[in-house]
C-alpha atoms as a PDB file:
ATOM      1  CA  UNK A   1     121.020 102.907 -32.263  1.00  0.00           C
ATOM      2  CA  UNK A   2     120.004 104.804 -28.910  1.00  0.00           C
ATOM      3  CA  UNK A   3     118.602 107.669 -30.799  1.00  0.00           C
ATOM      4  CA  UNK A   4     116.164 105.097 -32.548  1.00  0.00           C
ATOM      5  CA  UNK A   5     115.316 103.350 -29.610  1.00  0.00           C
ATOM      6  CA  UNK A   6     114.326 106.440 -27.945  1.00  0.00           C
ATOM      7  CA  UNK A   7     112.330 107.715 -30.411  1.00  0.00           C
ATOM      8  CA  UNK A   8     110.269 104.894 -30.748  1.00  0.00           C
ATOM      9  CA  UNK A   9     109.818 104.876 -27.331  1.00  0.00           C
ATOM     10  CA  UNK A  10     108.287 107.938 -26.956  1.00  0.00           C
ATOM     11  CA  UNK A  11     106.269 107.672 -30.450  1.00  0.00           C
ATOM     12  CA  UNK A  12     104.547 104.697 -28.366  1.00  0.00           C
ATOM     13  CA  UNK A  13     104.103 106.783 -25.315  1.00  0.00           C
ATOM     14  CA  UNK A  14     102.528 109.552 -27.242  1.00  0.00           C
ATOM     15  CA  UNK A  15     100.435 106.724 -29.089  1.00  0.00           C
ATOM     16  CA  UNK A  16      99.303 104.989 -25.674  1.00  0.00           C
ATOM     17  CA  UNK A  17      98.569 108.325 -24.433  1.00  0.00           C
ATOM     18  CA  UNK A  18      96.420 109.359 -27.322  1.00  0.00           C
ATOM     19  CA  UNK A  19      94.223 106.097 -26.999  1.00  0.00           C
ATOM     20  CA  UNK A  20      93.909 106.210 -23.623  1.00  0.00           C
ATOM     21  CA  UNK A  21      92.303 109.800 -23.895  1.00  0.00           C
ATOM     22  CA  UNK A  22      89.912 108.812 -27.019  1.00  0.00           C
ATOM     23  CA  UNK A  23      89.452 104.901 -26.780  1.00  0.00           C
ATOM     24  CA  UNK A  24      86.502 105.170 -25.154  1.00  0.00           C
ATOM     25  CA  UNK A  25      83.084 105.478 -26.661  1.00  0.00           C
ATOM     26  CA  UNK A  26      82.311 108.726 -25.113  1.00  0.00           C
ATOM     27  CA  UNK A  27      79.771 109.811 -22.343  1.00  0.00           C
ATOM     28  CA  UNK A  28      76.807 110.690 -25.070  1.00  0.00           C
ATOM     29  CA  UNK A  29      77.042 107.052 -26.444  1.00  0.00           C
ATOM     30  CA  UNK A  30      77.163 104.605 -23.891  1.00  0.00           C
ATOM     31  CA  UNK A  31      73.779 103.769 -24.035  1.00  0.00           C
ATOM     32  CA  UNK A  32      74.438 102.506 -27.862  1.00  0.00           C
ATOM     33  CA  UNK A  33      76.632  99.496 -26.680  1.00  0.00           C
ATOM     34  CA  UNK A  34      76.923  96.990 -23.938  1.00  0.00           C
ATOM     35  CA  UNK A  35      79.508  97.693 -21.422  1.00  0.00           C
ATOM     36  CA  UNK A  36      81.251  95.563 -18.751  1.00  0.00           C
ATOM     37  CA  UNK A  37      81.690  96.806 -15.334  1.00  0.00           C
ATOM     38  CA  UNK A  38      85.021  98.736 -15.948  1.00  0.00           C
ATOM     39  CA  UNK A  39      82.780 100.556 -18.936  1.00  0.00           C
ATOM     40  CA  UNK A  40      84.403  98.652 -21.518  1.00  0.00           C
ATOM     41  CA  UNK A  41      82.453  98.057 -24.578  1.00  0.00           C
ATOM     42  CA  UNK A  42      81.922  94.105 -24.478  1.00  0.00           C
ATOM     43  CA  UNK A  43      81.906  93.773 -28.395  1.00  0.00           C
ATOM     44  CA  UNK A  44      85.408  95.495 -28.428  1.00  0.00           C
ATOM     45  CA  UNK A  45      88.063  92.114 -28.498  1.00  0.00           C
ATOM     46  CA  UNK A  46      90.910  92.621 -26.631  1.00  0.00           C
ATOM     47  CA  UNK A  47      94.057  93.475 -28.425  1.00  0.00           C
ATOM     48  CA  UNK A  48      91.662  95.940 -30.451  1.00  0.00           C
ATOM     49  CA  UNK A  49      90.058  99.646 -30.152  1.00  0.00           C
ATOM     50  CA  UNK A  50      87.329 101.622 -31.816  1.00  0.00           C
ATOM     51  CA  UNK A  51      87.436 104.602 -34.059  1.00  0.00           C
ATOM     52  CA  UNK A  52      85.092 106.672 -35.997  1.00  0.00           C
ATOM     53  CA  UNK A  53      85.352 107.064 -39.599  1.00  0.00           C
ATOM     54  CA  UNK A  54      84.157 109.970 -42.255  1.00  0.00           C
ATOM     55  CA  UNK A  55      81.404 112.412 -41.957  1.00  0.00           C
ATOM     56  CA  UNK A  56      78.845 109.769 -40.369  1.00  0.00           C
ATOM     57  CA  UNK A  57      81.411 108.845 -37.857  1.00  0.00           C
ATOM     58  CA  UNK A  58      80.806 105.063 -39.006  1.00  0.00           C
ATOM     59  CA  UNK A  59      82.313 102.668 -36.017  1.00  0.00           C
ATOM     60  CA  UNK A  60      85.087 100.394 -36.449  1.00  0.00           C
ATOM     61  CA  UNK A  61      86.945  97.947 -34.845  1.00  0.00           C
ATOM     62  CA  UNK A  62      90.585  97.902 -35.385  1.00  0.00           C
ATOM     63  CA  UNK A  63      93.492  95.876 -33.962  1.00  0.00           C
ATOM     64  CA  UNK A  64      95.788  97.430 -31.891  1.00  0.00           C
ATOM     65  CA  UNK A  65      98.894  95.793 -34.258  1.00  0.00           C
ATOM     66  CA  UNK A  66      97.778  98.702 -36.480  1.00  0.00           C
ATOM     67  CA  UNK A  67      99.324 101.495 -34.235  1.00  0.00           C
ATOM     68  CA  UNK A  68     102.575 100.671 -35.346  1.00  0.00           C
ATOM     69  CA  UNK A  69     102.192 101.175 -38.907  1.00  0.00           C
ATOM     70  CA  UNK A  70     103.215 104.557 -40.197  1.00  0.00           C
ATOM     71  CA  UNK A  71     100.217 104.785 -42.764  1.00  0.00           C
ATOM     72  CA  UNK A  72      97.812 104.305 -39.577  1.00  0.00           C
ATOM     73  CA  UNK A  73     100.027 106.773 -37.609  1.00  0.00           C
ATOM     74  CA  UNK A  74      99.394 109.547 -40.491  1.00  0.00           C
ATOM     75  CA  UNK A  75      95.749 109.163 -39.682  1.00  0.00           C
ATOM     76  CA  UNK A  76      96.119 109.610 -36.221  1.00  0.00           C
ATOM     77  CA  UNK A  77      97.910 112.732 -36.804  1.00  0.00           C
ATOM     78  CA  UNK A  78      95.487 114.300 -38.980  1.00  0.00           C
ATOM     79  CA  UNK A  79      92.937 113.206 -36.687  1.00  0.00           C
ATOM     80  CA  UNK A  80      94.837 115.155 -33.795  1.00  0.00           C
ATOM     81  CA  UNK A  81      95.296 118.266 -35.982  1.00  0.00           C
ATOM     82  CA  UNK A  82      91.371 118.405 -37.435  1.00  0.00           C
ATOM     83  CA  UNK A  83      89.501 117.153 -33.798  1.00  0.00           C
ATOM     84  CA  UNK A  84      92.007 116.926 -31.135  1.00  0.00           C
ATOM     85  CA  UNK A  85      91.976 114.233 -28.722  1.00  0.00           C
ATOM     86  CA  UNK A  86      90.356 116.171 -25.620  1.00  0.00           C
ATOM     87  CA  UNK A  87      86.787 115.506 -26.621  1.00  0.00           C
ATOM     88  CA  UNK A  88      84.009 112.750 -25.756  1.00  0.00           C
ATOM     89  CA  UNK A  89      83.280 111.794 -29.367  1.00  0.00           C
ATOM     90  CA  UNK A  90      85.669 108.902 -29.296  1.00  0.00           C
ATOM     91  CA  UNK A  91      89.159 108.584 -31.639  1.00  0.00           C
ATOM     92  CA  UNK A  92      87.442 109.944 -35.012  1.00  0.00           C
ATOM     93  CA  UNK A  93      89.468 109.592 -38.255  1.00  0.00           C
ATOM     94  CA  UNK A  94      89.175 112.127 -40.516  1.00  0.00           C
ATOM     95  CA  UNK A  95      88.778 110.519 -44.168  1.00  0.00           C
ATOM     96  CA  UNK A  96      86.155 108.602 -46.519  1.00  0.00           C
ATOM     97  CA  UNK A  97      85.091 105.319 -45.320  1.00  0.00           C
ATOM     98  CA  UNK A  98      86.433 103.779 -48.466  1.00  0.00           C
ATOM     99  CA  UNK A  99      89.727 105.255 -48.280  1.00  0.00           C
ATOM    100  CA  UNK A 100      89.884 103.830 -44.515  1.00  0.00           C
ATOM    101  CA  UNK A 101      88.864 100.541 -45.554  1.00  0.00           C
ATOM    102  CA  UNK A 102      91.065  99.824 -48.246  1.00  0.00           C
ATOM    103  CA  UNK A 103      93.496 101.011 -45.990  1.00  0.00           C
ATOM    104  CA  UNK A 104      92.762  98.685 -43.708  1.00  0.00           C
ATOM    105  CA  UNK A 105      92.581  95.897 -45.745  1.00  0.00           C
ATOM    106  CA  UNK A 106      96.222  96.320 -47.032  1.00  0.00           C
ATOM    107  CA  UNK A 107      97.676  96.615 -43.391  1.00  0.00           C
ATOM    108  CA  UNK A 108      95.925  93.381 -42.168  1.00  0.00           C
END
């Protein structure tokens, strides 16, 4: 049981680190959306974060609770493999919008 707890803690820490690196909209896009004094977007409610999906990088606001779901974690791994997390583009999910909308509707 201790092994499972350690594994979950490690996974949680990894996800938090990914979000910390990618939760911003990126400096290139900061003038598109209004931000508060801390640089956080005003249109993203507490407990949510922004992802960009598909070739056109359509912006979606999703709840942080999705981070605990294996289906969403798979998308995060794919994003890391394809784009990495050290860039100013925001968290970009490499899947078609239709697939992303279908997945997120099932997770809600």
